[in-house]
N, C-alpha and C. Protein backbone atom coordinates (compact mmCIF):
# COMPACT_ATOMS: atom_id res chain seq x y z
N MET A 1 102.95 74.79 87.51
CA MET A 1 101.77 74.24 86.86
C MET A 1 101.53 74.90 85.46
N SER A 2 101.36 74.09 84.46
CA SER A 2 101.21 74.65 83.10
C SER A 2 99.83 75.19 82.95
N ALA A 3 99.64 75.96 81.85
CA ALA A 3 98.36 76.58 81.59
C ALA A 3 97.30 75.59 81.35
N TRP A 4 97.70 74.43 80.70
CA TRP A 4 96.75 73.36 80.34
C TRP A 4 96.32 72.69 81.62
N GLN A 5 97.19 72.59 82.61
CA GLN A 5 96.83 71.96 83.89
C GLN A 5 95.88 72.84 84.64
N GLN A 6 96.10 74.18 84.57
CA GLN A 6 95.24 75.09 85.23
C GLN A 6 93.84 75.07 84.63
N ILE A 7 93.81 75.01 83.27
CA ILE A 7 92.48 74.93 82.61
C ILE A 7 91.75 73.62 82.94
N GLY A 8 92.51 72.55 82.83
CA GLY A 8 91.90 71.20 83.28
C GLY A 8 91.40 71.25 84.72
N GLY A 9 92.18 71.80 85.63
CA GLY A 9 91.72 71.98 87.02
C GLY A 9 90.47 72.80 87.13
N THR A 10 90.45 73.90 86.43
CA THR A 10 89.26 74.79 86.45
C THR A 10 88.02 74.07 85.85
N ILE A 11 88.17 73.29 84.83
CA ILE A 11 87.03 72.59 84.23
C ILE A 11 86.60 71.50 85.24
N ALA A 12 87.46 70.81 85.88
CA ALA A 12 87.14 69.75 86.81
C ALA A 12 86.41 70.38 88.00
N ALA A 13 86.84 71.57 88.49
CA ALA A 13 86.18 72.22 89.56
C ALA A 13 84.78 72.64 89.30
N GLU A 14 84.55 73.04 87.97
CA GLU A 14 83.22 73.51 87.54
C GLU A 14 82.25 72.32 87.50
N PHE A 15 82.71 71.06 87.40
CA PHE A 15 81.81 69.96 87.38
C PHE A 15 81.87 69.12 88.63
N SER A 16 82.28 69.82 89.74
CA SER A 16 82.45 69.11 90.97
C SER A 16 81.16 68.98 91.84
N ASP A 17 80.07 69.49 91.30
CA ASP A 17 78.77 69.35 92.07
C ASP A 17 78.31 67.88 92.17
N LEU A 18 78.83 67.02 91.36
CA LEU A 18 78.59 65.62 91.41
C LEU A 18 79.88 64.88 91.67
N PRO A 19 80.34 64.97 92.96
CA PRO A 19 81.72 64.52 93.20
C PRO A 19 81.98 63.04 93.18
N ASP A 20 80.91 62.25 93.33
CA ASP A 20 81.12 60.81 93.29
C ASP A 20 79.92 60.13 92.68
N LEU A 21 80.06 58.75 92.54
CA LEU A 21 79.01 57.99 91.89
C LEU A 21 77.72 57.96 92.70
N VAL A 22 77.82 58.02 94.07
CA VAL A 22 76.66 58.06 94.91
C VAL A 22 75.79 59.24 94.67
N GLU A 23 76.47 60.39 94.61
CA GLU A 23 75.71 61.64 94.42
C GLU A 23 75.17 61.73 92.96
N LEU A 24 75.86 61.28 92.02
CA LEU A 24 75.35 61.20 90.63
C LEU A 24 74.18 60.34 90.52
N THR A 25 74.21 59.17 91.14
CA THR A 25 73.09 58.26 91.20
C THR A 25 71.84 58.88 91.83
N ARG A 26 72.06 59.58 92.98
CA ARG A 26 70.96 60.15 93.75
C ARG A 26 70.32 61.19 92.83
N VAL A 27 71.03 62.09 92.22
CA VAL A 27 70.53 63.18 91.37
C VAL A 27 69.81 62.57 90.16
N CYS A 28 70.35 61.56 89.52
CA CYS A 28 69.75 60.93 88.36
C CYS A 28 68.48 60.29 88.77
N ILE A 29 68.41 59.58 89.85
CA ILE A 29 67.16 58.98 90.25
C ILE A 29 66.02 60.05 90.55
N ARG A 30 66.36 61.04 91.27
CA ARG A 30 65.37 62.07 91.51
C ARG A 30 64.83 62.75 90.33
N LEU A 31 65.77 63.11 89.41
CA LEU A 31 65.34 63.77 88.20
C LEU A 31 64.55 62.91 87.24
N LEU A 32 65.05 61.62 87.10
CA LEU A 32 64.34 60.74 86.23
C LEU A 32 62.95 60.40 86.73
N ILE A 33 62.86 60.25 88.04
CA ILE A 33 61.57 59.97 88.60
C ILE A 33 60.57 61.12 88.40
N ALA A 34 61.11 62.27 88.63
CA ALA A 34 60.29 63.53 88.40
C ALA A 34 59.79 63.64 86.94
N ALA A 35 60.76 63.37 86.01
CA ALA A 35 60.39 63.43 84.62
C ALA A 35 59.37 62.36 84.26
N LEU A 36 59.65 61.14 84.73
CA LEU A 36 58.73 60.01 84.43
C LEU A 36 57.34 60.24 85.03
N LEU A 37 57.20 60.64 86.24
CA LEU A 37 55.92 60.95 86.85
C LEU A 37 55.22 61.97 86.15
N GLY A 38 55.88 63.11 85.83
CA GLY A 38 55.29 64.17 84.99
C GLY A 38 54.77 63.69 83.65
N GLY A 39 55.57 62.77 83.04
CA GLY A 39 55.19 62.18 81.77
C GLY A 39 53.95 61.34 81.93
N ILE A 40 53.81 60.60 82.95
CA ILE A 40 52.62 59.78 83.18
C ILE A 40 51.37 60.67 83.23
N LEU A 41 51.41 61.72 83.98
CA LEU A 41 50.29 62.67 84.05
C LEU A 41 50.04 63.30 82.71
N GLY A 42 51.12 63.72 82.04
CA GLY A 42 51.05 64.40 80.73
C GLY A 42 50.45 63.46 79.67
N PHE A 43 50.80 62.18 79.76
CA PHE A 43 50.23 61.21 78.83
C PHE A 43 48.70 61.10 79.04
N GLU A 44 48.26 61.08 80.21
CA GLU A 44 46.79 61.01 80.49
C GLU A 44 46.14 62.21 79.92
N ARG A 45 46.73 63.38 80.13
CA ARG A 45 46.13 64.62 79.63
C ARG A 45 46.14 64.68 78.04
N GLU A 46 47.21 64.16 77.53
CA GLU A 46 47.31 64.19 76.02
C GLU A 46 46.32 63.20 75.43
N GLN A 47 46.09 62.08 76.04
CA GLN A 47 45.06 61.08 75.60
C GLN A 47 43.74 61.74 75.64
N LYS A 48 43.44 62.70 76.50
CA LYS A 48 42.13 63.33 76.61
C LYS A 48 42.05 64.56 75.60
N GLY A 49 43.11 64.81 74.92
CA GLY A 49 43.17 65.84 73.90
C GLY A 49 43.35 67.26 74.57
N LYS A 50 44.01 67.31 75.69
CA LYS A 50 44.24 68.59 76.33
C LYS A 50 45.45 69.27 75.85
N ALA A 51 45.55 70.60 75.97
CA ALA A 51 46.67 71.37 75.41
C ALA A 51 47.98 71.01 75.99
N ALA A 52 48.04 70.84 77.26
CA ALA A 52 49.34 70.53 77.95
C ALA A 52 49.42 68.99 78.07
N GLY A 53 50.45 68.51 77.37
CA GLY A 53 50.57 66.99 77.33
C GLY A 53 51.88 66.57 77.95
N ILE A 54 52.39 65.50 77.33
CA ILE A 54 53.54 64.80 77.90
C ILE A 54 54.81 65.78 78.12
N LYS A 55 55.18 66.46 77.05
CA LYS A 55 56.35 67.32 77.13
C LYS A 55 56.16 68.41 78.18
N THR A 56 55.04 69.07 78.19
CA THR A 56 54.81 70.04 79.17
C THR A 56 54.88 69.59 80.59
N HIS A 57 54.21 68.53 80.88
CA HIS A 57 54.15 67.98 82.25
C HIS A 57 55.55 67.49 82.65
N MET A 58 56.30 66.81 81.69
CA MET A 58 57.62 66.39 82.03
C MET A 58 58.54 67.53 82.34
N LEU A 59 58.52 68.60 81.58
CA LEU A 59 59.33 69.72 81.82
C LEU A 59 58.97 70.47 83.06
N VAL A 60 57.69 70.59 83.41
CA VAL A 60 57.26 71.16 84.64
C VAL A 60 57.76 70.38 85.82
N SER A 61 57.57 69.12 85.78
CA SER A 61 58.05 68.26 86.87
C SER A 61 59.58 68.26 87.06
N LEU A 62 60.26 68.09 85.93
CA LEU A 62 61.74 68.14 85.93
C LEU A 62 62.27 69.49 86.41
N GLY A 63 61.70 70.50 85.95
CA GLY A 63 62.09 71.87 86.34
C GLY A 63 61.91 72.12 87.80
N SER A 64 60.82 71.71 88.32
CA SER A 64 60.45 71.84 89.74
C SER A 64 61.46 71.07 90.63
N ALA A 65 61.80 69.83 90.11
CA ALA A 65 62.72 68.99 90.87
C ALA A 65 64.09 69.67 90.91
N ILE A 66 64.58 70.21 89.81
CA ILE A 66 65.92 70.76 89.80
C ILE A 66 65.95 72.02 90.61
N PHE A 67 64.85 72.75 90.65
CA PHE A 67 64.84 74.00 91.48
C PHE A 67 64.93 73.70 92.94
N VAL A 68 64.48 72.59 93.44
CA VAL A 68 64.67 72.24 94.88
C VAL A 68 65.92 71.44 95.06
N LEU A 69 66.35 70.68 94.06
CA LEU A 69 67.55 69.76 94.25
C LEU A 69 68.83 70.63 94.35
N ILE A 70 69.01 71.56 93.50
CA ILE A 70 70.21 72.44 93.51
C ILE A 70 70.42 73.12 94.86
N PRO A 71 69.41 73.80 95.37
CA PRO A 71 69.57 74.46 96.68
C PRO A 71 70.00 73.45 97.79
N LEU A 72 69.44 72.23 97.75
CA LEU A 72 69.77 71.14 98.69
C LEU A 72 71.24 70.80 98.51
N GLN A 73 71.65 70.64 97.26
CA GLN A 73 73.11 70.37 97.03
C GLN A 73 73.96 71.50 97.54
N ALA A 74 73.51 72.77 97.42
CA ALA A 74 74.32 73.87 97.92
C ALA A 74 74.29 74.03 99.36
N GLY A 75 73.44 73.30 100.07
CA GLY A 75 73.41 73.39 101.52
C GLY A 75 72.58 74.51 102.12
N VAL A 76 71.51 74.94 101.42
CA VAL A 76 70.72 76.07 101.88
C VAL A 76 69.95 75.56 103.16
N GLN A 77 69.63 76.50 103.98
CA GLN A 77 68.84 76.25 105.19
C GLN A 77 67.37 76.04 104.83
N PRO A 78 66.61 75.27 105.68
CA PRO A 78 65.17 74.98 105.33
C PRO A 78 64.37 76.29 105.10
N ALA A 79 64.60 77.36 105.86
CA ALA A 79 63.85 78.60 105.67
C ALA A 79 64.12 79.15 104.27
N GLU A 80 65.33 79.04 103.76
CA GLU A 80 65.66 79.56 102.47
C GLU A 80 64.98 78.63 101.33
N LEU A 81 64.97 77.32 101.63
CA LEU A 81 64.35 76.45 100.66
C LEU A 81 62.84 76.69 100.54
N THR A 82 62.25 77.14 101.65
CA THR A 82 60.78 77.44 101.51
C THR A 82 60.52 78.65 100.68
N ARG A 83 61.48 79.53 100.59
CA ARG A 83 61.29 80.70 99.64
C ARG A 83 61.49 80.26 98.20
N VAL A 84 62.34 79.21 97.96
CA VAL A 84 62.50 78.63 96.61
C VAL A 84 61.14 78.01 96.25
N ILE A 85 60.62 77.30 97.10
CA ILE A 85 59.32 76.52 96.84
C ILE A 85 58.19 77.64 96.58
N GLN A 86 58.20 78.67 97.34
CA GLN A 86 57.18 79.69 97.16
C GLN A 86 57.31 80.32 95.73
N GLY A 87 58.57 80.54 95.30
CA GLY A 87 58.79 81.03 93.96
C GLY A 87 58.30 80.11 92.85
N ILE A 88 58.55 78.79 93.10
CA ILE A 88 58.16 77.82 92.12
C ILE A 88 56.65 77.83 92.03
N VAL A 89 55.92 77.80 93.16
CA VAL A 89 54.46 77.80 93.16
C VAL A 89 53.94 78.98 92.45
N SER A 90 54.52 80.14 92.73
CA SER A 90 54.03 81.35 92.03
C SER A 90 54.21 81.30 90.54
N GLY A 91 55.42 80.87 90.15
CA GLY A 91 55.72 80.78 88.72
C GLY A 91 54.83 79.79 87.99
N ILE A 92 54.59 78.66 88.66
CA ILE A 92 53.65 77.68 88.04
C ILE A 92 52.28 78.15 87.97
N GLY A 93 51.85 79.04 88.88
CA GLY A 93 50.55 79.68 88.84
C GLY A 93 50.38 80.49 87.54
N PHE A 94 51.43 81.24 87.15
CA PHE A 94 51.36 81.95 85.92
C PHE A 94 51.28 81.02 84.70
N LEU A 95 51.99 79.91 84.74
CA LEU A 95 51.95 79.00 83.62
C LEU A 95 50.57 78.39 83.53
N GLY A 96 50.01 77.94 84.72
CA GLY A 96 48.68 77.41 84.76
C GLY A 96 47.63 78.40 84.29
N ALA A 97 47.78 79.62 84.67
CA ALA A 97 46.81 80.66 84.27
C ALA A 97 46.73 80.77 82.74
N GLY A 98 47.85 80.53 82.04
CA GLY A 98 47.82 80.52 80.64
C GLY A 98 47.04 79.49 79.95
N THR A 99 46.62 78.45 80.72
CA THR A 99 45.88 77.35 80.08
C THR A 99 44.36 77.61 80.33
N ILE A 100 43.96 78.58 81.14
CA ILE A 100 42.58 78.83 81.44
C ILE A 100 42.03 79.81 80.43
N LEU A 101 40.87 79.37 79.81
CA LEU A 101 40.20 80.21 78.81
C LEU A 101 38.77 80.40 79.22
N LYS A 102 38.32 81.57 79.05
CA LYS A 102 36.90 81.87 79.34
C LYS A 102 36.15 81.78 78.04
N ALA A 103 35.08 81.06 78.09
CA ALA A 103 34.25 80.83 76.91
C ALA A 103 33.36 82.05 76.71
N ASP A 104 32.55 82.01 75.60
CA ASP A 104 31.63 83.13 75.29
C ASP A 104 30.55 83.39 76.39
N THR A 105 30.10 82.35 76.99
CA THR A 105 29.07 82.48 78.03
C THR A 105 29.74 82.80 79.34
N GLU A 106 29.02 83.52 80.20
CA GLU A 106 29.53 83.86 81.57
C GLU A 106 29.98 82.74 82.43
N ASP A 107 29.21 81.62 82.32
CA ASP A 107 29.44 80.57 83.35
C ASP A 107 30.31 79.45 82.83
N ARG A 108 30.96 79.57 81.65
CA ARG A 108 31.80 78.55 81.15
C ARG A 108 33.34 78.95 81.06
N VAL A 109 34.11 78.15 81.83
CA VAL A 109 35.53 78.32 81.85
C VAL A 109 36.20 77.07 81.52
N ARG A 110 37.24 77.05 80.67
CA ARG A 110 37.92 75.91 80.21
C ARG A 110 39.34 75.92 80.72
N GLY A 111 39.91 74.76 80.92
CA GLY A 111 41.32 74.70 81.29
C GLY A 111 41.67 74.67 82.73
N LEU A 112 40.68 74.72 83.60
CA LEU A 112 40.98 74.66 85.08
C LEU A 112 41.60 73.39 85.49
N THR A 113 41.11 72.26 84.96
CA THR A 113 41.72 71.01 85.38
C THR A 113 43.15 70.92 84.80
N THR A 114 43.37 71.34 83.63
CA THR A 114 44.77 71.41 83.06
C THR A 114 45.67 72.24 83.92
N ALA A 115 45.18 73.41 84.29
CA ALA A 115 46.01 74.29 85.22
C ALA A 115 46.26 73.56 86.50
N ALA A 116 45.23 72.92 87.10
CA ALA A 116 45.45 72.26 88.35
C ALA A 116 46.41 71.00 88.18
N GLY A 117 46.32 70.40 87.03
CA GLY A 117 47.23 69.25 86.78
C GLY A 117 48.67 69.73 86.60
N ILE A 118 48.88 70.89 86.02
CA ILE A 118 50.21 71.43 85.93
C ILE A 118 50.74 71.80 87.34
N TRP A 119 49.85 72.36 88.11
CA TRP A 119 50.22 72.72 89.54
C TRP A 119 50.59 71.42 90.36
N MET A 120 49.79 70.41 90.18
CA MET A 120 50.07 69.15 90.83
C MET A 120 51.36 68.51 90.34
N THR A 121 51.56 68.60 89.02
CA THR A 121 52.81 68.01 88.45
C THR A 121 54.08 68.72 89.01
N SER A 122 53.91 70.02 89.14
CA SER A 122 55.04 70.77 89.78
C SER A 122 55.29 70.23 91.27
N ALA A 123 54.21 70.10 91.95
CA ALA A 123 54.35 69.63 93.33
C ALA A 123 54.96 68.21 93.38
N ILE A 124 54.63 67.39 92.46
CA ILE A 124 55.21 66.02 92.34
C ILE A 124 56.64 66.15 92.05
N GLY A 125 57.01 66.99 91.15
CA GLY A 125 58.51 67.25 90.80
C GLY A 125 59.27 67.73 92.00
N MET A 126 58.73 68.65 92.73
CA MET A 126 59.37 69.16 93.89
C MET A 126 59.52 68.01 94.95
N THR A 127 58.52 67.21 95.08
CA THR A 127 58.60 66.10 96.00
C THR A 127 59.67 65.10 95.62
N ALA A 128 59.75 64.79 94.41
CA ALA A 128 60.84 63.89 93.91
C ALA A 128 62.15 64.54 94.08
N GLY A 129 62.28 65.86 93.81
CA GLY A 129 63.56 66.52 93.91
C GLY A 129 64.05 66.57 95.34
N LEU A 130 63.15 66.66 96.23
CA LEU A 130 63.46 66.72 97.66
C LEU A 130 63.86 65.31 98.27
N GLY A 131 63.67 64.24 97.40
CA GLY A 131 64.09 62.95 97.82
C GLY A 131 62.99 62.10 98.41
N HIS A 132 61.73 62.53 98.20
CA HIS A 132 60.59 61.78 98.66
C HIS A 132 59.92 61.12 97.57
N GLU A 133 60.59 60.17 96.96
CA GLU A 133 60.13 59.52 95.73
C GLU A 133 58.83 58.75 95.97
N ALA A 134 58.73 58.03 97.03
CA ALA A 134 57.54 57.21 97.34
C ALA A 134 56.30 58.14 97.44
N SER A 135 56.46 59.26 98.07
CA SER A 135 55.37 60.25 98.16
C SER A 135 55.02 60.74 96.83
N ALA A 136 55.98 61.01 95.97
CA ALA A 136 55.74 61.52 94.68
C ALA A 136 54.97 60.49 93.80
N VAL A 137 55.30 59.24 93.94
CA VAL A 137 54.57 58.16 93.27
C VAL A 137 53.20 58.06 93.77
N LEU A 138 52.97 58.16 95.09
CA LEU A 138 51.63 58.12 95.60
C LEU A 138 50.74 59.26 95.11
N CYS A 139 51.37 60.47 95.11
CA CYS A 139 50.61 61.61 94.61
C CYS A 139 50.28 61.48 93.10
N THR A 140 51.14 60.90 92.37
CA THR A 140 50.86 60.71 90.96
C THR A 140 49.72 59.68 90.81
N LEU A 141 49.69 58.63 91.55
CA LEU A 141 48.59 57.63 91.46
C LEU A 141 47.29 58.24 91.88
N LEU A 142 47.34 59.13 92.97
CA LEU A 142 46.09 59.84 93.34
C LEU A 142 45.55 60.74 92.25
N ALA A 143 46.48 61.44 91.66
CA ALA A 143 46.06 62.38 90.60
C ALA A 143 45.47 61.68 89.42
N LEU A 144 46.10 60.53 89.03
CA LEU A 144 45.49 59.70 87.97
C LEU A 144 44.12 59.16 88.37
N LEU A 145 43.95 58.78 89.59
CA LEU A 145 42.64 58.31 90.06
C LEU A 145 41.62 59.47 89.92
N ILE A 146 42.03 60.63 90.31
CA ILE A 146 41.11 61.77 90.18
C ILE A 146 40.78 62.02 88.70
N PHE A 147 41.76 62.06 87.82
CA PHE A 147 41.55 62.23 86.40
C PHE A 147 40.61 61.23 85.90
N ALA A 148 40.71 59.92 86.33
CA ALA A 148 39.90 58.89 85.74
C ALA A 148 38.54 58.77 86.41
N ALA A 149 38.52 58.86 87.71
CA ALA A 149 37.25 58.58 88.44
C ALA A 149 36.27 59.77 88.43
N MET A 150 36.80 60.98 88.58
CA MET A 150 35.82 62.07 88.76
C MET A 150 34.89 62.29 87.57
N PRO A 151 35.40 62.21 86.35
CA PRO A 151 34.42 62.41 85.22
C PRO A 151 33.30 61.38 85.29
N ARG A 152 33.70 60.11 85.54
CA ARG A 152 32.64 59.07 85.65
C ARG A 152 31.66 59.36 86.82
N LEU A 153 32.15 59.78 87.96
CA LEU A 153 31.33 60.13 89.07
C LEU A 153 30.44 61.31 88.77
N MET A 154 30.92 62.25 88.12
CA MET A 154 30.12 63.48 87.71
C MET A 154 28.98 63.03 86.79
N ARG A 155 29.28 62.18 85.81
CA ARG A 155 28.24 61.68 84.88
C ARG A 155 27.18 60.95 85.60
N LEU A 156 27.57 60.10 86.61
CA LEU A 156 26.54 59.42 87.45
C LEU A 156 25.68 60.42 88.19
N ILE A 157 26.26 61.36 88.79
CA ILE A 157 25.53 62.35 89.55
C ILE A 157 24.54 63.20 88.66
N GLU A 158 25.05 63.56 87.50
CA GLU A 158 24.22 64.31 86.54
C GLU A 158 23.02 63.56 86.03
N LYS A 159 23.20 62.14 85.91
CA LYS A 159 22.11 61.37 85.46
C LYS A 159 20.97 61.29 86.44
N GLU A 160 21.35 61.40 87.73
CA GLU A 160 20.30 61.23 88.76
C GLU A 160 19.64 62.54 88.98
C-alpha cells in the first residue's frame, strides 16, 4: 500500500461518523431543525429589542443539539448521556446569567426572560438533537405563545 493510499484511508476513516446517506440525512435534519427553532425564538426576541437575538438563539440550540447527538452516535449509555445533559444545563445557566442585569433600584431586575428563553432554546436544541423533533416544535410553539400572550395578560391584570 502506497503512502498516498494510507493517507487517503486515514482521511476516509476520520470522516466515517456519517457512514451512509441515511445517517447523514438524520444528522442534518436534527441539526437544521434545532437551528431553525432556535432562530424562530431568537427572531421573536430580536423583534422585541432584546440583547440575545437570532444568532445567539440559533447557536445555543445548535450547540445543545450537537452536544447530545454526538454521544448518541458514539453509543454512550443513557446514564452517561444524562451527565452530558447536566453539563449543558449548567453551562447554559452561566450564559443566561450573563444576560441578567440588576437595575439601580432594589426591586428591578432585567434580562430574566431572556435568560429563561436561552435556557428554553437549549432544551429545544437538546430535544431535536435526541431525535424528538415533534416535541421540539411543540415546545417552540408553547414558548412563542408565552412570549406573545403573557405580556398582554399582565397588562390586563395590571389595569384591573
